Amino acid sequence: MTNLNVQIPDSLYKQVEALAARENVPIEQLVAIALSAQVSAWTTKDYIEAKKARGSWDNFKQALNKVPDIEPEDYDKLA
């Protein structure tokens, strides 16, 4: 594991401290979870943007044109 020393506003620290107490987890664990979630969100955004750059609207429309224009089975309908 790597230690990370950061400075954050006192108001944010108080929120983190209160949340950690409410969730009954150490502050370090809560910060690691929050950081992990944010890094995952950024990584996902980058992945989706990369996929978008490789995509083609025309190819998408061609694929949709291959789908038959029929009603779905009852088990496959949205409620």
C-alpha atoms as a PDB file:
ATOM      1  CA  MET A   1       0.000   0.000   0.000  1.00  0.00           C
ATOM      2  CA  THR A   2       1.030   3.568  -0.588  1.00  0.00           C
ATOM      3  CA  ASN A   3       0.408   6.403   1.823  1.00  0.00           C
ATOM      4  CA  LEU A   4      -0.929   9.624   0.381  1.00  0.00           C
ATOM      5  CA  ASN A   5      -0.745  12.905   2.260  1.00  0.00           C
ATOM      6  CA  VAL A   6      -3.198  15.497   0.927  1.00  0.00           C
ATOM      7  CA  GLN A   7      -4.636  18.776   2.080  1.00  0.00           C
ATOM      8  CA  ILE A   8      -8.393  19.214   1.896  1.00  0.00           C
ATOM      9  CA  PRO A   9     -10.692  21.952   3.158  1.00  0.00           C
ATOM     10  CA  ASP A  10     -11.763  21.589   6.785  1.00  0.00           C
ATOM     11  CA  SER A  11     -15.415  21.567   5.730  1.00  0.00           C
ATOM     12  CA  LEU A  12     -14.830  18.562   3.458  1.00  0.00           C
ATOM     13  CA  TYR A  13     -12.906  16.745   6.174  1.00  0.00           C
ATOM     14  CA  LYS A  14     -15.790  17.262   8.601  1.00  0.00           C
ATOM     15  CA  GLN A  15     -18.208  15.794   6.058  1.00  0.00           C
ATOM     16  CA  VAL A  16     -15.926  12.798   5.479  1.00  0.00           C
ATOM     17  CA  GLU A  17     -15.462  12.324   9.203  1.00  0.00           C
ATOM     18  CA  ALA A  18     -19.223  12.404   9.824  1.00  0.00           C
ATOM     19  CA  LEU A  19     -19.947  10.031   6.965  1.00  0.00           C
ATOM     20  CA  ALA A  20     -17.277   7.581   8.096  1.00  0.00           C
ATOM     21  CA  ALA A  21     -18.729   7.610  11.603  1.00  0.00           C
ATOM     22  CA  ARG A  22     -22.244   7.097  10.250  1.00  0.00           C
ATOM     23  CA  GLU A  23     -21.106   4.205   8.053  1.00  0.00           C
ATOM     24  CA  ASN A  24     -18.908   2.819  10.826  1.00  0.00           C
ATOM     25  CA  VAL A  25     -15.782   2.666   8.648  1.00  0.00           C
ATOM     26  CA  PRO A  26     -12.364   4.245   9.123  1.00  0.00           C
ATOM     27  CA  ILE A  27     -11.857   7.566   7.363  1.00  0.00           C
ATOM     28  CA  GLU A  28      -9.002   6.037   5.345  1.00  0.00           C
ATOM     29  CA  GLN A  29     -11.301   3.323   4.028  1.00  0.00           C
ATOM     30  CA  LEU A  30     -14.031   5.796   3.123  1.00  0.00           C
ATOM     31  CA  VAL A  31     -11.556   8.008   1.258  1.00  0.00           C
ATOM     32  CA  ALA A  32     -10.137   4.994  -0.603  1.00  0.00           C
ATOM     33  CA  ILE A  33     -13.652   3.911  -1.621  1.00  0.00           C
ATOM     34  CA  ALA A  34     -14.573   7.419  -2.773  1.00  0.00           C
ATOM     35  CA  LEU A  35     -11.337   7.823  -4.725  1.00  0.00           C
ATOM     36  CA  SER A  36     -11.801   4.419  -6.327  1.00  0.00           C
ATOM     37  CA  ALA A  37     -15.338   5.296  -7.405  1.00  0.00           C
ATOM     38  CA  GLN A  38     -14.219   8.581  -8.966  1.00  0.00           C
ATOM     39  CA  VAL A  39     -11.288   7.010 -10.796  1.00  0.00           C
ATOM     40  CA  SER A  40     -13.643   4.329 -12.107  1.00  0.00           C
ATOM     41  CA  ALA A  41     -16.069   7.008 -13.357  1.00  0.00           C
ATOM     42  CA  TRP A  42     -13.288   8.871 -15.176  1.00  0.00           C
ATOM     43  CA  THR A  43     -11.950   5.640 -16.663  1.00  0.00           C
ATOM     44  CA  THR A  44     -15.421   4.652 -17.851  1.00  0.00           C
ATOM     45  CA  LYS A  45     -15.931   8.079 -19.412  1.00  0.00           C
ATOM     46  CA  ASP A  46     -12.630   7.765 -21.274  1.00  0.00           C
ATOM     47  CA  TYR A  47     -13.577   4.251 -22.454  1.00  0.00           C
ATOM     48  CA  ILE A  48     -16.948   5.398 -23.760  1.00  0.00           C
ATOM     49  CA  GLU A  49     -15.423   8.401 -25.529  1.00  0.00           C
ATOM     50  CA  ALA A  50     -12.840   6.127 -27.182  1.00  0.00           C
ATOM     51  CA  LYS A  51     -15.610   3.770 -28.355  1.00  0.00           C
ATOM     52  CA  LYS A  52     -17.574   6.752 -29.654  1.00  0.00           C
ATOM     53  CA  ALA A  53     -14.578   7.924 -31.678  1.00  0.00           C
ATOM     54  CA  ARG A  54     -14.415   4.517 -33.400  1.00  0.00           C
ATOM     55  CA  GLY A  55     -18.159   4.428 -34.062  1.00  0.00           C
ATOM     56  CA  SER A  56     -20.075   5.479 -37.131  1.00  0.00           C
ATOM     57  CA  TRP A  57     -23.614   6.821 -37.183  1.00  0.00           C
ATOM     58  CA  ASP A  58     -24.115   5.411 -40.685  1.00  0.00           C
ATOM     59  CA  ASN A  59     -23.008   1.925 -39.580  1.00  0.00           C
ATOM     60  CA  PHE A  60     -25.363   2.178 -36.600  1.00  0.00           C
ATOM     61  CA  LYS A  61     -28.291   3.074 -38.848  1.00  0.00           C
ATOM     62  CA  GLN A  62     -27.421   0.197 -41.203  1.00  0.00           C
ATOM     63  CA  ALA A  63     -27.451  -2.209 -38.266  1.00  0.00           C
ATOM     64  CA  LEU A  64     -30.804  -0.867 -37.074  1.00  0.00           C
ATOM     65  CA  ASN A  65     -32.254  -1.325 -40.545  1.00  0.00           C
ATOM     66  CA  LYS A  66     -31.565  -5.068 -40.224  1.00  0.00           C
ATOM     67  CA  VAL A  67     -33.837  -5.329 -37.174  1.00  0.00           C
ATOM     68  CA  PRO A  68     -37.358  -6.430 -38.126  1.00  0.00           C
ATOM     69  CA  ASP A  69     -40.103  -3.895 -37.404  1.00  0.00           C
ATOM     70  CA  ILE A  70     -42.316  -6.150 -35.283  1.00  0.00           C
ATOM     71  CA  GLU A  71     -43.745  -6.013 -31.787  1.00  0.00           C
ATOM     72  CA  PRO A  72     -41.635  -7.807 -29.168  1.00  0.00           C
ATOM     73  CA  GLU A  73     -42.904 -10.913 -27.420  1.00  0.00           C
ATOM     74  CA  ASP A  74     -44.911 -10.196 -24.244  1.00  0.00           C
ATOM     75  CA  TYR A  75     -42.059 -11.419 -22.027  1.00  0.00           C
ATOM     76  CA  ASP A  76     -39.690  -8.984 -23.738  1.00  0.00           C
ATOM     77  CA  LYS A  77     -41.780  -5.809 -23.480  1.00  0.00           C
ATOM     78  CA  LEU A  78     -40.931  -3.004 -21.129  1.00  0.00           C
ATOM     79  CA  ALA A  79     -43.391  -2.557 -18.329  1.00  0.00           C
END
